[in-house]
Amino acid sequence: MKKNKTSKSWINKKHRDPFFKKSRIQGYNSRSAFKLIEMNKKFNFIKKNSFLLDIGSSPGGWTQVATQKILKGKVLSVDIKSMEKINNSHFIRGDVLDPETYIKITKYFGKKIDVVISDMAANTTGNKNLDSFKTGELCLNAMDIALKILHKDGVFISKVFMGSIFNEILNKASTSFKKVIKYKPLSSRKESKEIYIFCKSIS
């Protein structure tokens, strides 16, 4: 009974969320679309001719935003989950850590790319410390991919939760990129420990 009440409370809270309502009105697959919109307004990293990789893309909110901005480049989305077709983008279902998936990614672009974005988060267990650690590991994995596929002035953006692994992520980012900025979008829930790192130009 308690679980049902909790689930109902979460659903009610979700539907009161102004960004959830806005995402439905504007046709985005997720409220997180507004996080990318906000970050792009601040950092201006998605150009009309960008080659962009969206890691952990499902359900596709970030891909939708990218395809609205990128008119002459390429947008590739990758996730282990399925994702509905989004116009002007290509989707690969697979694990980005699988060498075969990475080969498909490099073949699709055919060159070093401009942007890697990752909104990946681990499935929640109820243990906040464990969840933040697992999401941090995903961020580190995404960064490894970004460092391999980005050109020297490329941009990497990733979600991370404040927690025990955060300093490790920040240290690696600061060593690997010339510019690293921590940023929390207004569209992130106030109670959430999530933050995003904006990284530019490989060291």
N, C-alpha and C. Protein backbone atom coordinates (compact mmCIF):
# COMPACT_ATOMS: atom_id res chain seq x y z
N MET A 1 0.84 -1.21 0.00
CA MET A 1 0.00 0.00 0.00
C MET A 1 0.87 1.26 0.00
N LYS A 2 1.94 1.22 0.80
CA LYS A 2 2.85 2.36 0.88
C LYS A 2 3.49 2.63 -0.47
N LYS A 3 3.86 1.56 -1.18
CA LYS A 3 4.49 1.70 -2.49
C LYS A 3 3.53 2.35 -3.47
N ASN A 4 2.26 1.94 -3.44
CA ASN A 4 1.26 2.53 -4.33
C ASN A 4 1.07 4.01 -4.06
N LYS A 5 1.05 4.38 -2.76
CA LYS A 5 0.91 5.79 -2.39
C LYS A 5 2.11 6.60 -2.87
N THR A 6 3.31 6.01 -2.73
CA THR A 6 4.52 6.69 -3.19
C THR A 6 4.50 6.89 -4.69
N SER A 7 4.10 5.84 -5.42
CA SER A 7 4.03 5.92 -6.88
C SER A 7 3.02 6.97 -7.32
N LYS A 8 1.87 7.00 -6.64
CA LYS A 8 0.83 7.97 -6.98
C LYS A 8 1.32 9.38 -6.70
N SER A 9 2.02 9.57 -5.59
CA SER A 9 2.55 10.88 -5.23
C SER A 9 3.56 11.34 -6.27
N TRP A 10 4.41 10.42 -6.75
CA TRP A 10 5.42 10.75 -7.75
C TRP A 10 4.76 11.16 -9.06
N ILE A 11 3.71 10.43 -9.45
CA ILE A 11 2.99 10.74 -10.69
C ILE A 11 2.33 12.11 -10.60
N ASN A 12 1.69 12.38 -9.46
CA ASN A 12 1.04 13.69 -9.26
C ASN A 12 2.06 14.82 -9.32
N LYS A 13 3.21 14.60 -8.69
CA LYS A 13 4.27 15.60 -8.69
C LYS A 13 4.79 15.84 -10.10
N LYS A 14 4.94 14.76 -10.83
CA LYS A 14 5.42 14.84 -12.22
C LYS A 14 4.48 15.69 -13.07
N HIS A 15 3.20 15.47 -12.93
CA HIS A 15 2.23 16.18 -13.76
C HIS A 15 2.05 17.64 -13.32
N ARG A 16 2.48 17.99 -12.12
CA ARG A 16 2.46 19.38 -11.68
C ARG A 16 3.71 20.14 -12.14
N ASP A 17 4.71 19.38 -12.55
CA ASP A 17 5.98 19.95 -12.98
C ASP A 17 5.79 20.80 -14.24
N PRO A 18 6.12 22.10 -14.20
CA PRO A 18 5.90 22.96 -15.37
C PRO A 18 6.71 22.54 -16.59
N PHE A 19 7.90 21.96 -16.37
CA PHE A 19 8.72 21.53 -17.51
C PHE A 19 8.17 20.26 -18.14
N PHE A 20 7.53 19.41 -17.32
CA PHE A 20 6.87 18.22 -17.86
C PHE A 20 5.71 18.66 -18.75
N LYS A 21 4.91 19.62 -18.25
CA LYS A 21 3.77 20.13 -19.03
C LYS A 21 4.26 20.78 -20.32
N LYS A 22 5.33 21.56 -20.19
CA LYS A 22 5.87 22.27 -21.35
C LYS A 22 6.38 21.30 -22.40
N SER A 23 6.99 20.20 -21.95
CA SER A 23 7.52 19.21 -22.89
C SER A 23 6.39 18.56 -23.68
N ARG A 24 5.25 18.33 -23.02
CA ARG A 24 4.10 17.74 -23.71
C ARG A 24 3.52 18.72 -24.73
N ILE A 25 3.44 19.98 -24.35
CA ILE A 25 2.88 21.01 -25.23
C ILE A 25 3.76 21.19 -26.47
N GLN A 26 5.07 21.20 -26.27
CA GLN A 26 6.00 21.47 -27.37
C GLN A 26 6.43 20.21 -28.12
N GLY A 27 5.94 19.05 -27.67
CA GLY A 27 6.19 17.81 -28.40
C GLY A 27 7.52 17.14 -28.14
N TYR A 28 8.17 17.48 -27.03
CA TYR A 28 9.43 16.80 -26.69
C TYR A 28 9.16 15.48 -25.97
N ASN A 29 10.02 14.51 -26.21
CA ASN A 29 9.85 13.19 -25.60
C ASN A 29 10.19 13.16 -24.11
N SER A 30 10.86 14.18 -23.63
CA SER A 30 11.20 14.24 -22.20
C SER A 30 11.41 15.69 -21.77
N ARG A 31 11.21 15.94 -20.47
CA ARG A 31 11.42 17.29 -19.91
C ARG A 31 12.90 17.68 -19.97
N SER A 32 13.79 16.70 -20.06
CA SER A 32 15.22 16.99 -20.09
C SER A 32 15.63 17.77 -21.33
N ALA A 33 14.75 17.81 -22.33
CA ALA A 33 15.03 18.60 -23.53
C ALA A 33 15.35 20.05 -23.15
N PHE A 34 14.67 20.56 -22.13
CA PHE A 34 14.86 21.96 -21.75
C PHE A 34 16.22 22.19 -21.08
N LYS A 35 16.79 21.14 -20.52
CA LYS A 35 18.14 21.26 -19.94
C LYS A 35 19.15 21.51 -21.06
N LEU A 36 19.02 20.76 -22.15
CA LEU A 36 19.95 20.94 -23.27
C LEU A 36 19.72 22.29 -23.96
N ILE A 37 18.46 22.68 -24.10
CA ILE A 37 18.15 23.99 -24.69
C ILE A 37 18.82 25.10 -23.87
N GLU A 38 18.69 25.00 -22.56
CA GLU A 38 19.26 26.01 -21.67
C GLU A 38 20.79 26.03 -21.74
N MET A 39 21.40 24.84 -21.75
CA MET A 39 22.87 24.77 -21.80
C MET A 39 23.39 25.27 -23.14
N ASN A 40 22.65 25.00 -24.22
CA ASN A 40 23.11 25.48 -25.51
C ASN A 40 22.99 27.00 -25.62
N LYS A 41 21.97 27.56 -24.98
CA LYS A 41 21.86 29.03 -24.96
C LYS A 41 23.03 29.65 -24.22
N LYS A 42 23.47 28.99 -23.16
CA LYS A 42 24.57 29.52 -22.36
C LYS A 42 25.93 29.33 -23.05
N PHE A 43 26.16 28.14 -23.60
CA PHE A 43 27.49 27.81 -24.12
C PHE A 43 27.59 27.84 -25.65
N ASN A 44 26.43 27.83 -26.34
CA ASN A 44 26.38 27.96 -27.80
C ASN A 44 27.32 26.97 -28.50
N PHE A 45 27.13 25.69 -28.24
CA PHE A 45 28.03 24.67 -28.79
C PHE A 45 27.41 23.84 -29.91
N ILE A 46 26.10 23.90 -30.11
CA ILE A 46 25.47 23.15 -31.20
C ILE A 46 25.28 24.10 -32.39
N LYS A 47 25.98 23.81 -33.47
CA LYS A 47 25.93 24.63 -34.67
C LYS A 47 25.14 23.91 -35.76
N LYS A 48 24.78 24.65 -36.81
CA LYS A 48 23.96 24.05 -37.86
C LYS A 48 24.68 22.94 -38.63
N ASN A 49 26.04 22.95 -38.60
CA ASN A 49 26.79 21.92 -39.31
C ASN A 49 27.52 20.96 -38.36
N SER A 50 27.10 20.92 -37.10
CA SER A 50 27.76 20.05 -36.11
C SER A 50 27.56 18.57 -36.40
N PHE A 51 28.58 17.79 -36.08
CA PHE A 51 28.48 16.33 -36.02
C PHE A 51 28.36 16.00 -34.54
N LEU A 52 27.23 15.43 -34.13
CA LEU A 52 26.91 15.27 -32.71
C LEU A 52 26.52 13.83 -32.37
N LEU A 53 27.07 13.34 -31.27
CA LEU A 53 26.74 12.01 -30.75
C LEU A 53 25.99 12.16 -29.44
N ASP A 54 24.80 11.57 -29.36
CA ASP A 54 23.97 11.59 -28.15
C ASP A 54 24.02 10.20 -27.53
N ILE A 55 24.72 10.09 -26.40
CA ILE A 55 24.89 8.80 -25.72
C ILE A 55 23.81 8.63 -24.65
N GLY A 56 23.18 7.46 -24.62
CA GLY A 56 22.10 7.23 -23.66
C GLY A 56 20.90 8.07 -24.03
N SER A 57 20.55 8.05 -25.30
CA SER A 57 19.62 9.03 -25.88
C SER A 57 18.15 8.82 -25.57
N SER A 58 17.73 7.58 -25.33
CA SER A 58 16.31 7.29 -25.12
C SER A 58 15.77 8.04 -23.89
N PRO A 59 14.58 8.63 -23.98
CA PRO A 59 13.55 8.54 -25.03
C PRO A 59 13.69 9.52 -26.18
N GLY A 60 14.74 10.36 -26.19
CA GLY A 60 15.01 11.16 -27.37
C GLY A 60 14.86 12.67 -27.25
N GLY A 61 14.64 13.18 -26.05
CA GLY A 61 14.47 14.62 -25.87
C GLY A 61 15.67 15.43 -26.34
N TRP A 62 16.87 14.97 -25.99
CA TRP A 62 18.08 15.69 -26.39
C TRP A 62 18.31 15.57 -27.91
N THR A 63 18.00 14.42 -28.47
CA THR A 63 18.14 14.25 -29.92
C THR A 63 17.21 15.20 -30.66
N GLN A 64 15.99 15.36 -30.16
CA GLN A 64 15.04 16.28 -30.78
C GLN A 64 15.59 17.71 -30.80
N VAL A 65 16.16 18.14 -29.68
CA VAL A 65 16.73 19.49 -29.61
C VAL A 65 17.89 19.62 -30.60
N ALA A 66 18.75 18.61 -30.64
CA ALA A 66 19.91 18.65 -31.54
C ALA A 66 19.49 18.75 -33.00
N THR A 67 18.48 17.98 -33.40
CA THR A 67 18.05 17.99 -34.80
C THR A 67 17.38 19.30 -35.19
N GLN A 68 16.86 20.02 -34.23
CA GLN A 68 16.28 21.33 -34.52
C GLN A 68 17.37 22.36 -34.81
N LYS A 69 18.55 22.15 -34.25
CA LYS A 69 19.67 23.08 -34.42
C LYS A 69 20.58 22.69 -35.58
N ILE A 70 20.76 21.38 -35.78
CA ILE A 70 21.72 20.89 -36.77
C ILE A 70 21.01 20.65 -38.10
N LEU A 71 21.35 21.46 -39.09
CA LEU A 71 20.67 21.41 -40.38
C LEU A 71 21.55 20.79 -41.47
N LYS A 72 22.87 20.92 -41.33
CA LYS A 72 23.78 20.43 -42.37
C LYS A 72 24.78 19.40 -41.84
N GLY A 73 24.70 19.08 -40.56
CA GLY A 73 25.63 18.13 -39.97
C GLY A 73 25.01 16.74 -39.84
N LYS A 74 25.40 16.03 -38.78
CA LYS A 74 24.89 14.68 -38.52
C LYS A 74 24.58 14.53 -37.04
N VAL A 75 23.48 13.84 -36.75
CA VAL A 75 23.11 13.53 -35.36
C VAL A 75 22.96 12.03 -35.23
N LEU A 76 23.73 11.44 -34.33
CA LEU A 76 23.64 10.00 -34.07
C LEU A 76 23.28 9.78 -32.61
N SER A 77 22.27 8.96 -32.38
CA SER A 77 21.82 8.63 -31.03
C SER A 77 22.11 7.16 -30.75
N VAL A 78 22.58 6.87 -29.54
CA VAL A 78 22.92 5.50 -29.16
C VAL A 78 22.35 5.20 -27.77
N ASP A 79 21.71 4.05 -27.64
CA ASP A 79 21.19 3.64 -26.33
C ASP A 79 20.97 2.13 -26.34
N ILE A 80 21.05 1.53 -25.15
CA ILE A 80 20.75 0.10 -25.04
C ILE A 80 19.23 -0.13 -25.09
N LYS A 81 18.46 0.94 -24.82
CA LYS A 81 17.00 0.87 -24.91
C LYS A 81 16.55 1.28 -26.31
N SER A 82 15.35 0.89 -26.67
CA SER A 82 14.80 1.28 -27.96
C SER A 82 14.40 2.76 -27.92
N MET A 83 14.30 3.37 -29.08
CA MET A 83 13.91 4.77 -29.17
C MET A 83 13.15 4.97 -30.47
N GLU A 84 12.06 5.71 -30.41
CA GLU A 84 11.29 5.94 -31.62
C GLU A 84 12.06 6.82 -32.59
N LYS A 85 11.77 6.67 -33.87
CA LYS A 85 12.47 7.40 -34.92
C LYS A 85 12.28 8.91 -34.76
N ILE A 86 13.39 9.63 -34.86
CA ILE A 86 13.36 11.09 -34.83
C ILE A 86 13.96 11.57 -36.15
N ASN A 87 13.21 12.40 -36.86
CA ASN A 87 13.65 12.87 -38.17
C ASN A 87 15.01 13.54 -38.11
N ASN A 88 15.77 13.35 -39.19
CA ASN A 88 17.09 13.97 -39.35
C ASN A 88 18.11 13.48 -38.33
N SER A 89 17.90 12.25 -37.87
CA SER A 89 18.89 11.62 -36.99
C SER A 89 18.95 10.14 -37.29
N HIS A 90 20.01 9.51 -36.82
CA HIS A 90 20.18 8.06 -36.98
C HIS A 90 20.31 7.44 -35.59
N PHE A 91 19.74 6.28 -35.40
CA PHE A 91 19.77 5.64 -34.08
C PHE A 91 20.43 4.26 -34.16
N ILE A 92 21.31 4.00 -33.21
CA ILE A 92 21.93 2.68 -33.06
C ILE A 92 21.53 2.14 -31.69
N ARG A 93 20.90 0.97 -31.68
CA ARG A 93 20.59 0.35 -30.40
C ARG A 93 21.75 -0.56 -30.01
N GLY A 94 22.41 -0.21 -28.91
CA GLY A 94 23.55 -0.99 -28.46
C GLY A 94 24.25 -0.31 -27.30
N ASP A 95 25.20 -1.03 -26.73
CA ASP A 95 25.99 -0.53 -25.61
C ASP A 95 27.20 0.21 -26.18
N VAL A 96 27.36 1.48 -25.81
CA VAL A 96 28.48 2.26 -26.35
C VAL A 96 29.83 1.69 -25.93
N LEU A 97 29.86 0.87 -24.88
CA LEU A 97 31.11 0.26 -24.45
C LEU A 97 31.46 -1.00 -25.25
N ASP A 98 30.51 -1.46 -26.05
CA ASP A 98 30.74 -2.62 -26.91
C ASP A 98 31.57 -2.16 -28.11
N PRO A 99 32.72 -2.79 -28.37
CA PRO A 99 33.56 -2.39 -29.50
C PRO A 99 32.82 -2.37 -30.84
N GLU A 100 31.88 -3.29 -31.04
CA GLU A 100 31.13 -3.32 -32.29
C GLU A 100 30.26 -2.08 -32.44
N THR A 101 29.67 -1.63 -31.33
CA THR A 101 28.87 -0.40 -31.37
C THR A 101 29.74 0.80 -31.69
N TYR A 102 30.92 0.85 -31.08
CA TYR A 102 31.83 1.97 -31.33
C TYR A 102 32.27 2.00 -32.80
N ILE A 103 32.50 0.84 -33.38
CA ILE A 103 32.87 0.77 -34.80
C ILE A 103 31.74 1.35 -35.66
N LYS A 104 30.50 1.01 -35.32
CA LYS A 104 29.35 1.55 -36.06
C LYS A 104 29.29 3.07 -35.95
N ILE A 105 29.60 3.58 -34.76
CA ILE A 105 29.59 5.03 -34.53
C ILE A 105 30.62 5.72 -35.42
N THR A 106 31.84 5.20 -35.42
CA THR A 106 32.91 5.83 -36.20
C THR A 106 32.64 5.71 -37.70
N LYS A 107 32.04 4.62 -38.11
CA LYS A 107 31.71 4.46 -39.53
C LYS A 107 30.63 5.45 -39.95
N TYR A 108 29.68 5.70 -39.08
CA TYR A 108 28.59 6.62 -39.41
C TYR A 108 29.13 8.04 -39.63
N PHE A 109 30.02 8.48 -38.76
CA PHE A 109 30.54 9.85 -38.88
C PHE A 109 31.66 9.95 -39.92
N GLY A 110 32.55 8.97 -39.91
CA GLY A 110 33.64 8.96 -40.88
C GLY A 110 34.76 9.94 -40.58
N LYS A 111 34.70 10.63 -39.45
CA LYS A 111 35.75 11.58 -39.06
C LYS A 111 35.55 11.95 -37.60
N LYS A 112 36.50 12.70 -37.05
CA LYS A 112 36.35 13.22 -35.69
C LYS A 112 35.16 14.18 -35.65
N ILE A 113 34.48 14.24 -34.50
CA ILE A 113 33.23 15.00 -34.43
C ILE A 113 33.32 16.21 -33.50
N ASP A 114 32.24 16.99 -33.48
CA ASP A 114 32.22 18.26 -32.76
C ASP A 114 31.70 18.18 -31.33
N VAL A 115 30.68 17.34 -31.12
CA VAL A 115 29.98 17.34 -29.83
C VAL A 115 29.61 15.93 -29.40
N VAL A 116 29.82 15.63 -28.12
CA VAL A 116 29.31 14.41 -27.49
C VAL A 116 28.49 14.85 -26.28
N ILE A 117 27.23 14.42 -26.23
CA ILE A 117 26.37 14.75 -25.09
C ILE A 117 25.90 13.45 -24.43
N SER A 118 25.79 13.49 -23.13
CA SER A 118 25.36 12.30 -22.39
C SER A 118 24.47 12.71 -21.21
N ASP A 119 23.25 12.20 -21.23
CA ASP A 119 22.32 12.42 -20.11
C ASP A 119 22.06 11.10 -19.39
N MET A 120 23.03 10.19 -19.49
CA MET A 120 22.86 8.86 -18.91
C MET A 120 22.79 8.91 -17.38
N ALA A 121 21.94 8.06 -16.84
CA ALA A 121 21.86 7.89 -15.39
C ALA A 121 21.58 6.42 -15.11
N ALA A 122 22.17 5.92 -14.04
CA ALA A 122 21.96 4.53 -13.67
C ALA A 122 20.53 4.32 -13.16
N ASN A 123 20.02 3.12 -13.31
CA ASN A 123 18.71 2.79 -12.74
C ASN A 123 18.78 2.96 -11.22
N THR A 124 17.78 3.61 -10.66
CA THR A 124 17.81 3.89 -9.22
C THR A 124 17.57 2.63 -8.40
N THR A 125 18.29 2.56 -7.27
CA THR A 125 18.19 1.41 -6.37
C THR A 125 17.54 1.81 -5.05
N GLY A 126 17.43 3.12 -4.81
CA GLY A 126 16.95 3.60 -3.52
C GLY A 126 18.10 4.02 -2.62
N ASN A 127 19.32 3.57 -2.98
CA ASN A 127 20.52 3.97 -2.26
C ASN A 127 21.16 5.13 -3.01
N LYS A 128 21.00 6.34 -2.51
CA LYS A 128 21.44 7.54 -3.25
C LYS A 128 22.94 7.56 -3.49
N ASN A 129 23.72 7.09 -2.53
CA ASN A 129 25.17 7.07 -2.70
C ASN A 129 25.58 6.10 -3.82
N LEU A 130 24.94 4.94 -3.83
CA LEU A 130 25.24 3.94 -4.86
C LEU A 130 24.79 4.45 -6.22
N ASP A 131 23.61 5.07 -6.27
CA ASP A 131 23.09 5.58 -7.54
C ASP A 131 24.00 6.66 -8.13
N SER A 132 24.47 7.57 -7.26
CA SER A 132 25.34 8.64 -7.75
C SER A 132 26.68 8.07 -8.23
N PHE A 133 27.16 7.03 -7.55
CA PHE A 133 28.42 6.40 -7.95
C PHE A 133 28.27 5.73 -9.32
N LYS A 134 27.18 5.00 -9.50
CA LYS A 134 26.96 4.30 -10.78
C LYS A 134 26.78 5.28 -11.93
N THR A 135 26.06 6.37 -11.68
CA THR A 135 25.89 7.40 -12.71
C THR A 135 27.23 8.07 -13.00
N GLY A 136 28.04 8.24 -11.97
CA GLY A 136 29.38 8.79 -12.16
C GLY A 136 30.24 7.91 -13.05
N GLU A 137 30.12 6.60 -12.87
CA GLU A 137 30.86 5.67 -13.72
C GLU A 137 30.43 5.80 -15.17
N LEU A 138 29.13 6.00 -15.39
CA LEU A 138 28.62 6.19 -16.75
C LEU A 138 29.21 7.46 -17.37
N CYS A 139 29.33 8.50 -16.55
CA CYS A 139 29.92 9.75 -17.02
C CYS A 139 31.38 9.53 -17.43
N LEU A 140 32.13 8.79 -16.63
CA LEU A 140 33.53 8.50 -16.95
C LEU A 140 33.64 7.70 -18.24
N ASN A 141 32.72 6.74 -18.43
CA ASN A 141 32.71 5.95 -19.66
C ASN A 141 32.41 6.84 -20.88
N ALA A 142 31.43 7.73 -20.71
CA ALA A 142 31.08 8.65 -21.80
C ALA A 142 32.26 9.57 -22.12
N MET A 143 32.98 9.99 -21.09
CA MET A 143 34.14 10.86 -21.31
C MET A 143 35.24 10.13 -22.10
N ASP A 144 35.45 8.86 -21.79
CA ASP A 144 36.43 8.07 -22.52
C ASP A 144 36.09 8.02 -24.01
N ILE A 145 34.81 7.82 -24.31
CA ILE A 145 34.37 7.79 -25.70
C ILE A 145 34.57 9.16 -26.34
N ALA A 146 34.20 10.21 -25.62
CA ALA A 146 34.35 11.57 -26.14
C ALA A 146 35.81 11.87 -26.48
N LEU A 147 36.72 11.46 -25.62
CA LEU A 147 38.14 11.74 -25.84
C LEU A 147 38.67 11.01 -27.07
N LYS A 148 38.05 9.90 -27.42
CA LYS A 148 38.48 9.15 -28.61
C LYS A 148 37.91 9.72 -29.89
N ILE A 149 36.67 10.24 -29.83
CA ILE A 149 35.97 10.59 -31.07
C ILE A 149 35.90 12.08 -31.37
N LEU A 150 36.12 12.93 -30.37
CA LEU A 150 36.06 14.38 -30.58
C LEU A 150 37.33 14.90 -31.27
N HIS A 151 37.18 15.94 -32.09
CA HIS A 151 38.37 16.63 -32.58
C HIS A 151 38.89 17.53 -31.47
N LYS A 152 40.04 18.16 -31.67
CA LYS A 152 40.75 18.83 -30.57
C LYS A 152 39.95 19.98 -29.94
N ASP A 153 39.04 20.60 -30.69
CA ASP A 153 38.25 21.69 -30.13
C ASP A 153 36.81 21.26 -29.80
N GLY A 154 36.61 19.96 -29.70
CA GLY A 154 35.27 19.42 -29.47
C GLY A 154 34.73 19.71 -28.08
N VAL A 155 33.42 19.45 -27.93
CA VAL A 155 32.70 19.71 -26.69
C VAL A 155 32.09 18.42 -26.14
N PHE A 156 32.21 18.24 -24.84
CA PHE A 156 31.61 17.11 -24.15
C PHE A 156 30.76 17.64 -23.01
N ILE A 157 29.49 17.19 -22.97
CA ILE A 157 28.59 17.56 -21.87
C ILE A 157 28.02 16.29 -21.27
N SER A 158 28.01 16.22 -19.95
CA SER A 158 27.50 15.01 -19.31
C SER A 158 26.84 15.33 -17.97
N LYS A 159 25.84 14.52 -17.67
CA LYS A 159 25.21 14.56 -16.34
C LYS A 159 26.11 13.84 -15.34
N VAL A 160 26.11 14.36 -14.12
CA VAL A 160 26.78 13.66 -13.02
C VAL A 160 26.04 14.05 -11.74
N PHE A 161 26.00 13.15 -10.77
CA PHE A 161 25.40 13.46 -9.47
C PHE A 161 26.50 13.78 -8.46
N MET A 162 26.25 14.78 -7.64
CA MET A 162 27.20 15.10 -6.58
C MET A 162 27.30 13.90 -5.64
N GLY A 163 28.52 13.48 -5.38
CA GLY A 163 28.71 12.32 -4.53
C GLY A 163 30.18 11.94 -4.47
N SER A 164 30.44 10.72 -4.02
CA SER A 164 31.81 10.29 -3.75
C SER A 164 32.70 10.27 -4.98
N ILE A 165 32.12 10.06 -6.16
CA ILE A 165 32.92 9.94 -7.37
C ILE A 165 33.08 11.27 -8.11
N PHE A 166 32.41 12.31 -7.62
CA PHE A 166 32.39 13.58 -8.35
C PHE A 166 33.78 14.18 -8.53
N ASN A 167 34.59 14.16 -7.48
CA ASN A 167 35.94 14.74 -7.58
C ASN A 167 36.80 13.99 -8.60
N GLU A 168 36.62 12.68 -8.66
CA GLU A 168 37.36 11.88 -9.65
C GLU A 168 36.98 12.32 -11.07
N ILE A 169 35.69 12.52 -11.29
CA ILE A 169 35.20 12.97 -12.60
C ILE A 169 35.76 14.34 -12.94
N LEU A 170 35.71 15.25 -11.97
CA LEU A 170 36.17 16.61 -12.18
C LEU A 170 37.67 16.65 -12.45
N ASN A 171 38.43 15.84 -11.73
CA ASN A 171 39.87 15.78 -11.94
C ASN A 171 40.21 15.24 -13.33
N LYS A 172 39.50 14.21 -13.74
CA LYS A 172 39.75 13.64 -15.07
C LYS A 172 39.38 14.64 -16.16
N ALA A 173 38.25 15.32 -15.98
CA ALA A 173 37.82 16.31 -16.96
C ALA A 173 38.83 17.45 -17.05
N SER A 174 39.30 17.93 -15.91
CA SER A 174 40.23 19.05 -15.87
C SER A 174 41.58 18.69 -16.48
N THR A 175 41.95 17.43 -16.37
CA THR A 175 43.20 16.95 -16.97
C THR A 175 43.05 16.76 -18.47
N SER A 176 41.86 16.36 -18.89
CA SER A 176 41.64 15.98 -20.29
C SER A 176 41.21 17.14 -21.19
N PHE A 177 40.56 18.15 -20.59
CA PHE A 177 40.04 19.28 -21.37
C PHE A 177 40.61 20.60 -20.86
N LYS A 178 40.73 21.56 -21.76
CA LYS A 178 41.27 22.87 -21.39
C LYS A 178 40.25 23.71 -20.61
N LYS A 179 38.98 23.49 -20.89
CA LYS A 179 37.93 24.28 -20.25
C LYS A 179 36.88 23.35 -19.65
N VAL A 180 36.61 23.48 -18.37
CA VAL A 180 35.62 22.64 -17.68
C VAL A 180 34.76 23.55 -16.80
N ILE A 181 33.45 23.49 -17.01
CA ILE A 181 32.52 24.32 -16.23
C ILE A 181 31.42 23.44 -15.64
N LYS A 182 31.14 23.61 -14.35
CA LYS A 182 30.02 22.93 -13.71
C LYS A 182 28.78 23.80 -13.87
N TYR A 183 27.66 23.16 -14.20
CA TYR A 183 26.45 23.95 -14.45
C TYR A 183 25.20 23.16 -14.07
N LYS A 184 24.29 23.83 -13.38
CA LYS A 184 23.01 23.22 -13.04
C LYS A 184 21.90 24.01 -13.73
N PRO A 185 21.25 23.44 -14.72
CA PRO A 185 20.17 24.15 -15.43
C PRO A 185 19.01 24.47 -14.51
N LEU A 186 18.31 25.54 -14.81
CA LEU A 186 17.12 25.90 -14.04
C LEU A 186 16.05 24.83 -14.14
N SER A 187 16.06 24.10 -15.26
CA SER A 187 15.06 23.05 -15.48
C SER A 187 15.36 21.76 -14.70
N SER A 188 16.54 21.68 -14.08
CA SER A 188 16.81 20.56 -13.17
C SER A 188 15.97 20.74 -11.92
N ARG A 189 15.44 19.66 -11.41
CA ARG A 189 14.64 19.76 -10.18
C ARG A 189 15.51 20.23 -9.03
N LYS A 190 14.97 21.14 -8.23
CA LYS A 190 15.74 21.75 -7.14
C LYS A 190 16.28 20.70 -6.16
N GLU A 191 15.46 19.67 -5.92
CA GLU A 191 15.88 18.66 -4.94
C GLU A 191 16.89 17.67 -5.50
N SER A 192 17.10 17.71 -6.83
CA SER A 192 18.01 16.76 -7.47
C SER A 192 19.47 17.15 -7.23
N LYS A 193 20.32 16.13 -7.05
CA LYS A 193 21.76 16.36 -6.89
C LYS A 193 22.48 16.38 -8.23
N GLU A 194 21.71 16.30 -9.32
CA GLU A 194 22.35 16.27 -10.62
C GLU A 194 22.98 17.61 -10.96
N ILE A 195 24.08 17.53 -11.67
CA ILE A 195 24.77 18.71 -12.20
C ILE A 195 25.36 18.28 -13.54
N TYR A 196 25.68 19.23 -14.36
CA TYR A 196 26.26 18.91 -15.67
C TYR A 196 27.65 19.51 -15.77
N ILE A 197 28.53 18.82 -16.49
CA ILE A 197 29.85 19.38 -16.74
C ILE A 197 29.96 19.69 -18.23
N PHE A 198 30.40 20.89 -18.51
CA PHE A 198 30.65 21.34 -19.88
C PHE A 198 32.17 21.34 -20.08
N CYS A 199 32.64 20.54 -21.03
CA CYS A 199 34.07 20.40 -21.27
C CYS A 199 34.38 20.76 -22.73
N LYS A 200 35.40 21.56 -22.93
CA LYS A 200 35.74 21.99 -24.29
C LYS A 200 37.25 21.96 -24.54
N SER A 201 37.64 21.53 -25.72
CA SER A 201 39.01 21.52 -26.21
C SER A 201 39.89 20.51 -25.46
N ILE A 202 40.21 19.43 -26.14
CA ILE A 202 41.01 18.36 -25.54
C ILE A 202 42.43 18.87 -25.30
N SER A 203 42.93 18.58 -24.10
CA SER A 203 44.29 19.04 -23.72
C SER A 203 45.37 18.31 -24.51
